[in-house]
Structures are given as C-alpha cells and as structure tokens.
Amino acid sequence: MIDDIKKRALHRAKILQGQMRGLEKMIDADEYCVDIITQSLAIQKSLSSLNKLLVENHLRTHVTDMFDEGGDEREKAVAELLAVYELQNNRGS
C-alpha cells in the first residue's frame, strides 16, 4: 500500500473500532433507537471513507500496473472494477 493511504486507512479502521464498541454499548444499554441508528449511520459513513481510500490505493497501484501490462491483465483490472461497482450497487447505496 502507498504509505500515506495506509496510514489514513489504519486511522479510519481504529475510528471504526471505537464506533463499533460505542454502538455495542448503546444497544446493550437499551439507548434510544434514533441515537443507535445515528451511530450506525456514522459507522456506515466511516466505512465508506475507508472503502474510498482502499479503492484509491488499488487504482494508484495494482490497476495502474495491470493497465500498463495490457492484454489479459488489463481485462482483469476492468473485471475487478466492474465487480466492485456491482457490489456497491447491489448494496443499495
């Protein structure tokens, strides 16, 4: 991974861990549903930010290399990106 992206991704993952612990405590404490939903939505936003970093890294490293190689590797890169796109669309976001 690119050092800067790796650092930011690890930071985001640590934030997510804290958010998940907080969500678990809220559920366990029977807190107000809207507050729990708000926390859950914040986690989803954080996950989205992490995914964006991971996609950026993949594009700047692996995909660039695969496109430079051409041929089957280029087609594999396109297939991977389409698969990620499909996963995102099937998720409903």
N, C-alpha and C. Protein backbone atom coordinates (compact mmCIF):
# COMPACT_ATOMS: atom_id res chain seq x y z
N MET A 1 0.83 -1.19 0.00
CA MET A 1 0.00 0.00 0.00
C MET A 1 0.88 1.25 0.00
N ILE A 2 0.35 2.30 -0.55
CA ILE A 2 1.01 3.60 -0.51
C ILE A 2 1.01 4.06 0.94
N ASP A 3 2.18 4.49 1.43
CA ASP A 3 2.34 4.80 2.85
C ASP A 3 1.28 5.75 3.40
N ASP A 4 1.04 6.84 2.71
CA ASP A 4 0.07 7.82 3.20
C ASP A 4 -1.34 7.23 3.26
N ILE A 5 -1.71 6.50 2.25
CA ILE A 5 -3.04 5.88 2.23
C ILE A 5 -3.15 4.82 3.32
N LYS A 6 -2.09 4.05 3.50
CA LYS A 6 -2.09 3.03 4.55
C LYS A 6 -2.27 3.67 5.92
N LYS A 7 -1.56 4.76 6.17
CA LYS A 7 -1.67 5.46 7.45
C LYS A 7 -3.09 5.95 7.67
N ARG A 8 -3.69 6.54 6.64
CA ARG A 8 -5.05 7.06 6.75
C ARG A 8 -6.06 5.92 6.90
N ALA A 9 -5.84 4.81 6.20
CA ALA A 9 -6.76 3.66 6.29
C ALA A 9 -6.71 3.04 7.69
N LEU A 10 -5.52 2.91 8.24
CA LEU A 10 -5.39 2.36 9.60
C LEU A 10 -6.05 3.29 10.62
N HIS A 11 -5.88 4.59 10.44
CA HIS A 11 -6.53 5.56 11.32
C HIS A 11 -8.05 5.41 11.24
N ARG A 12 -8.58 5.29 10.03
CA ARG A 12 -10.02 5.13 9.83
C ARG A 12 -10.49 3.83 10.47
N ALA A 13 -9.72 2.75 10.34
CA ALA A 13 -10.09 1.46 10.93
C ALA A 13 -10.15 1.56 12.45
N LYS A 14 -9.22 2.31 13.05
CA LYS A 14 -9.24 2.48 14.51
C LYS A 14 -10.46 3.28 14.95
N ILE A 15 -10.81 4.29 14.17
CA ILE A 15 -12.02 5.05 14.47
C ILE A 15 -13.24 4.13 14.40
N LEU A 16 -13.29 3.30 13.38
CA LEU A 16 -14.40 2.35 13.23
C LEU A 16 -14.50 1.40 14.41
N GLN A 17 -13.36 0.94 14.90
CA GLN A 17 -13.38 0.05 16.06
C GLN A 17 -14.03 0.74 17.26
N GLY A 18 -13.66 1.99 17.48
CA GLY A 18 -14.25 2.74 18.58
C GLY A 18 -15.74 2.97 18.37
N GLN A 19 -16.11 3.29 17.13
CA GLN A 19 -17.53 3.50 16.84
C GLN A 19 -18.33 2.21 17.06
N MET A 20 -17.77 1.08 16.68
CA MET A 20 -18.47 -0.19 16.87
C MET A 20 -18.61 -0.54 18.35
N ARG A 21 -17.57 -0.27 19.11
CA ARG A 21 -17.66 -0.51 20.56
C ARG A 21 -18.76 0.37 21.16
N GLY A 22 -18.80 1.62 20.71
CA GLY A 22 -19.83 2.53 21.20
C GLY A 22 -21.23 2.06 20.83
N LEU A 23 -21.38 1.57 19.60
CA LEU A 23 -22.67 1.06 19.15
C LEU A 23 -23.10 -0.14 19.98
N GLU A 24 -22.17 -1.02 20.24
CA GLU A 24 -22.48 -2.21 21.05
C GLU A 24 -22.93 -1.81 22.45
N LYS A 25 -22.25 -0.84 23.05
CA LYS A 25 -22.64 -0.36 24.38
C LYS A 25 -24.02 0.27 24.36
N MET A 26 -24.30 1.03 23.31
CA MET A 26 -25.61 1.68 23.19
C MET A 26 -26.73 0.65 23.11
N ILE A 27 -26.51 -0.39 22.33
CA ILE A 27 -27.52 -1.45 22.19
C ILE A 27 -27.69 -2.16 23.52
N ASP A 28 -26.57 -2.49 24.15
CA ASP A 28 -26.62 -3.20 25.43
C ASP A 28 -27.33 -2.37 26.50
N ALA A 29 -27.19 -1.05 26.44
CA ALA A 29 -27.79 -0.16 27.43
C ALA A 29 -29.22 0.24 27.07
N ASP A 30 -29.75 -0.36 26.00
CA ASP A 30 -31.12 -0.05 25.55
C ASP A 30 -31.33 1.46 25.34
N GLU A 31 -30.34 2.10 24.71
CA GLU A 31 -30.47 3.53 24.46
C GLU A 31 -31.54 3.80 23.40
N TYR A 32 -31.89 5.03 23.26
CA TYR A 32 -32.94 5.48 22.35
C TYR A 32 -32.61 5.04 20.92
N CYS A 33 -33.59 4.45 20.25
CA CYS A 33 -33.39 3.85 18.92
C CYS A 33 -32.79 4.84 17.92
N VAL A 34 -33.28 6.06 17.91
CA VAL A 34 -32.77 7.04 16.95
C VAL A 34 -31.30 7.34 17.20
N ASP A 35 -30.89 7.34 18.45
CA ASP A 35 -29.48 7.55 18.76
C ASP A 35 -28.63 6.38 18.26
N ILE A 36 -29.14 5.18 18.40
CA ILE A 36 -28.42 3.99 17.91
C ILE A 36 -28.33 4.03 16.38
N ILE A 37 -29.42 4.40 15.74
CA ILE A 37 -29.43 4.49 14.28
C ILE A 37 -28.44 5.56 13.82
N THR A 38 -28.41 6.67 14.52
CA THR A 38 -27.47 7.75 14.17
C THR A 38 -26.02 7.24 14.25
N GLN A 39 -25.72 6.49 15.29
CA GLN A 39 -24.37 5.91 15.43
C GLN A 39 -24.10 4.92 14.31
N SER A 40 -25.08 4.10 13.98
CA SER A 40 -24.92 3.12 12.91
C SER A 40 -24.66 3.82 11.56
N LEU A 41 -25.38 4.89 11.31
CA LEU A 41 -25.18 5.64 10.07
C LEU A 41 -23.80 6.29 10.03
N ALA A 42 -23.31 6.75 11.17
CA ALA A 42 -21.96 7.31 11.24
C ALA A 42 -20.92 6.24 10.90
N ILE A 43 -21.17 5.02 11.36
CA ILE A 43 -20.26 3.90 11.06
C ILE A 43 -20.28 3.61 9.56
N GLN A 44 -21.46 3.64 8.97
CA GLN A 44 -21.55 3.40 7.53
C GLN A 44 -20.77 4.46 6.75
N LYS A 45 -20.86 5.71 7.20
CA LYS A 45 -20.12 6.79 6.55
C LYS A 45 -18.61 6.56 6.70
N SER A 46 -18.18 6.13 7.87
CA SER A 46 -16.77 5.83 8.09
C SER A 46 -16.31 4.68 7.21
N LEU A 47 -17.14 3.65 7.09
CA LEU A 47 -16.80 2.53 6.21
C LEU A 47 -16.67 2.99 4.76
N SER A 48 -17.54 3.88 4.36
CA SER A 48 -17.49 4.42 3.02
C SER A 48 -16.17 5.17 2.79
N SER A 49 -15.74 5.92 3.79
CA SER A 49 -14.47 6.64 3.70
C SER A 49 -13.30 5.67 3.60
N LEU A 50 -13.36 4.59 4.38
CA LEU A 50 -12.31 3.57 4.30
C LEU A 50 -12.30 2.92 2.93
N ASN A 51 -13.47 2.58 2.42
CA ASN A 51 -13.55 1.95 1.09
C ASN A 51 -12.98 2.87 0.02
N LYS A 52 -13.25 4.15 0.13
CA LYS A 52 -12.72 5.11 -0.84
C LYS A 52 -11.20 5.10 -0.83
N LEU A 53 -10.61 5.07 0.37
CA LEU A 53 -9.15 5.00 0.47
C LEU A 53 -8.61 3.72 -0.16
N LEU A 54 -9.28 2.61 0.09
CA LEU A 54 -8.82 1.33 -0.45
C LEU A 54 -8.92 1.30 -1.97
N VAL A 55 -10.00 1.86 -2.50
CA VAL A 55 -10.14 1.93 -3.96
C VAL A 55 -9.08 2.84 -4.54
N GLU A 56 -8.84 3.98 -3.89
CA GLU A 56 -7.79 4.88 -4.38
C GLU A 56 -6.45 4.17 -4.44
N ASN A 57 -6.11 3.46 -3.37
CA ASN A 57 -4.84 2.73 -3.36
C ASN A 57 -4.79 1.71 -4.48
N HIS A 58 -5.88 0.97 -4.67
CA HIS A 58 -5.92 -0.06 -5.70
C HIS A 58 -5.74 0.55 -7.09
N LEU A 59 -6.40 1.68 -7.32
CA LEU A 59 -6.27 2.34 -8.62
C LEU A 59 -4.85 2.86 -8.84
N ARG A 60 -4.25 3.44 -7.81
CA ARG A 60 -2.92 4.03 -7.96
C ARG A 60 -1.81 2.99 -8.03
N THR A 61 -2.08 1.77 -7.61
CA THR A 61 -1.03 0.74 -7.60
C THR A 61 -1.38 -0.39 -8.57
N HIS A 62 -2.19 -1.30 -8.14
CA HIS A 62 -2.47 -2.51 -8.91
C HIS A 62 -3.09 -2.23 -10.27
N VAL A 63 -4.11 -1.41 -10.31
CA VAL A 63 -4.80 -1.16 -11.58
C VAL A 63 -3.86 -0.47 -12.57
N THR A 64 -3.08 0.48 -12.09
CA THR A 64 -2.12 1.16 -12.95
C THR A 64 -1.14 0.14 -13.55
N ASP A 65 -0.61 -0.72 -12.70
CA ASP A 65 0.32 -1.75 -13.18
C ASP A 65 -0.35 -2.70 -14.17
N MET A 66 -1.58 -3.09 -13.88
CA MET A 66 -2.29 -4.03 -14.75
C MET A 66 -2.60 -3.39 -16.11
N PHE A 67 -2.94 -2.11 -16.10
CA PHE A 67 -3.19 -1.42 -17.36
C PHE A 67 -1.90 -1.27 -18.16
N ASP A 68 -0.80 -0.99 -17.47
CA ASP A 68 0.50 -0.87 -18.15
C ASP A 68 0.90 -2.20 -18.80
N GLU A 69 0.56 -3.31 -18.13
CA GLU A 69 0.87 -4.64 -18.68
C GLU A 69 0.05 -4.94 -19.93
N GLY A 70 -1.17 -4.45 -19.94
CA GLY A 70 -2.05 -4.65 -21.10
C GLY A 70 -2.60 -6.07 -21.17
N GLY A 71 -3.23 -6.37 -22.28
CA GLY A 71 -3.76 -7.71 -22.55
C GLY A 71 -4.69 -8.23 -21.48
N ASP A 72 -4.43 -9.48 -21.06
CA ASP A 72 -5.27 -10.15 -20.07
C ASP A 72 -5.28 -9.42 -18.73
N GLU A 73 -4.14 -8.86 -18.35
CA GLU A 73 -4.07 -8.15 -17.07
C GLU A 73 -4.95 -6.91 -17.08
N ARG A 74 -4.96 -6.23 -18.20
CA ARG A 74 -5.83 -5.05 -18.33
C ARG A 74 -7.30 -5.47 -18.22
N GLU A 75 -7.66 -6.55 -18.87
CA GLU A 75 -9.04 -7.04 -18.81
C GLU A 75 -9.41 -7.49 -17.40
N LYS A 76 -8.45 -8.08 -16.71
CA LYS A 76 -8.68 -8.49 -15.32
C LYS A 76 -8.96 -7.27 -14.44
N ALA A 77 -8.20 -6.19 -14.65
CA ALA A 77 -8.41 -4.96 -13.88
C ALA A 77 -9.80 -4.40 -14.12
N VAL A 78 -10.22 -4.39 -15.38
CA VAL A 78 -11.55 -3.90 -15.72
C VAL A 78 -12.61 -4.77 -15.03
N ALA A 79 -12.44 -6.09 -15.07
CA ALA A 79 -13.40 -7.01 -14.46
C ALA A 79 -13.48 -6.79 -12.94
N GLU A 80 -12.32 -6.57 -12.30
CA GLU A 80 -12.32 -6.31 -10.86
C GLU A 80 -13.09 -5.04 -10.53
N LEU A 81 -12.84 -3.99 -11.28
CA LEU A 81 -13.52 -2.72 -11.02
C LEU A 81 -15.01 -2.84 -11.25
N LEU A 82 -15.40 -3.56 -12.26
CA LEU A 82 -16.83 -3.77 -12.50
C LEU A 82 -17.46 -4.59 -11.38
N ALA A 83 -16.73 -5.57 -10.86
CA ALA A 83 -17.24 -6.38 -9.75
C ALA A 83 -17.44 -5.53 -8.50
N VAL A 84 -16.50 -4.63 -8.22
CA VAL A 84 -16.64 -3.73 -7.07
C VAL A 84 -17.83 -2.80 -7.28
N TYR A 85 -17.98 -2.30 -8.49
CA TYR A 85 -19.11 -1.44 -8.82
C TYR A 85 -20.43 -2.19 -8.59
N GLU A 86 -20.49 -3.43 -9.03
CA GLU A 86 -21.69 -4.24 -8.84
C GLU A 86 -21.98 -4.49 -7.37
N LEU A 87 -20.95 -4.77 -6.59
CA LEU A 87 -21.13 -4.97 -5.15
C LEU A 87 -21.73 -3.72 -4.52
N GLN A 88 -21.22 -2.56 -4.91
CA GLN A 88 -21.72 -1.30 -4.37
C GLN A 88 -23.19 -1.11 -4.77
N ASN A 89 -23.50 -1.37 -6.01
CA ASN A 89 -24.88 -1.17 -6.49
C ASN A 89 -25.85 -2.17 -5.84
N ASN A 90 -25.42 -3.40 -5.65
CA ASN A 90 -26.27 -4.41 -5.03
C ASN A 90 -26.51 -4.10 -3.57
N ARG A 91 -25.61 -3.35 -2.97
CA ARG A 91 -25.74 -2.97 -1.57
C ARG A 91 -26.83 -1.92 -1.38
N GLY A 92 -27.16 -1.24 -2.46
CA GLY A 92 -28.25 -0.29 -2.39
C GLY A 92 -27.82 1.13 -2.07
N SER A 93 -26.53 1.42 -2.15
CA SER A 93 -26.06 2.78 -1.86
C SER A 93 -25.67 3.49 -3.12
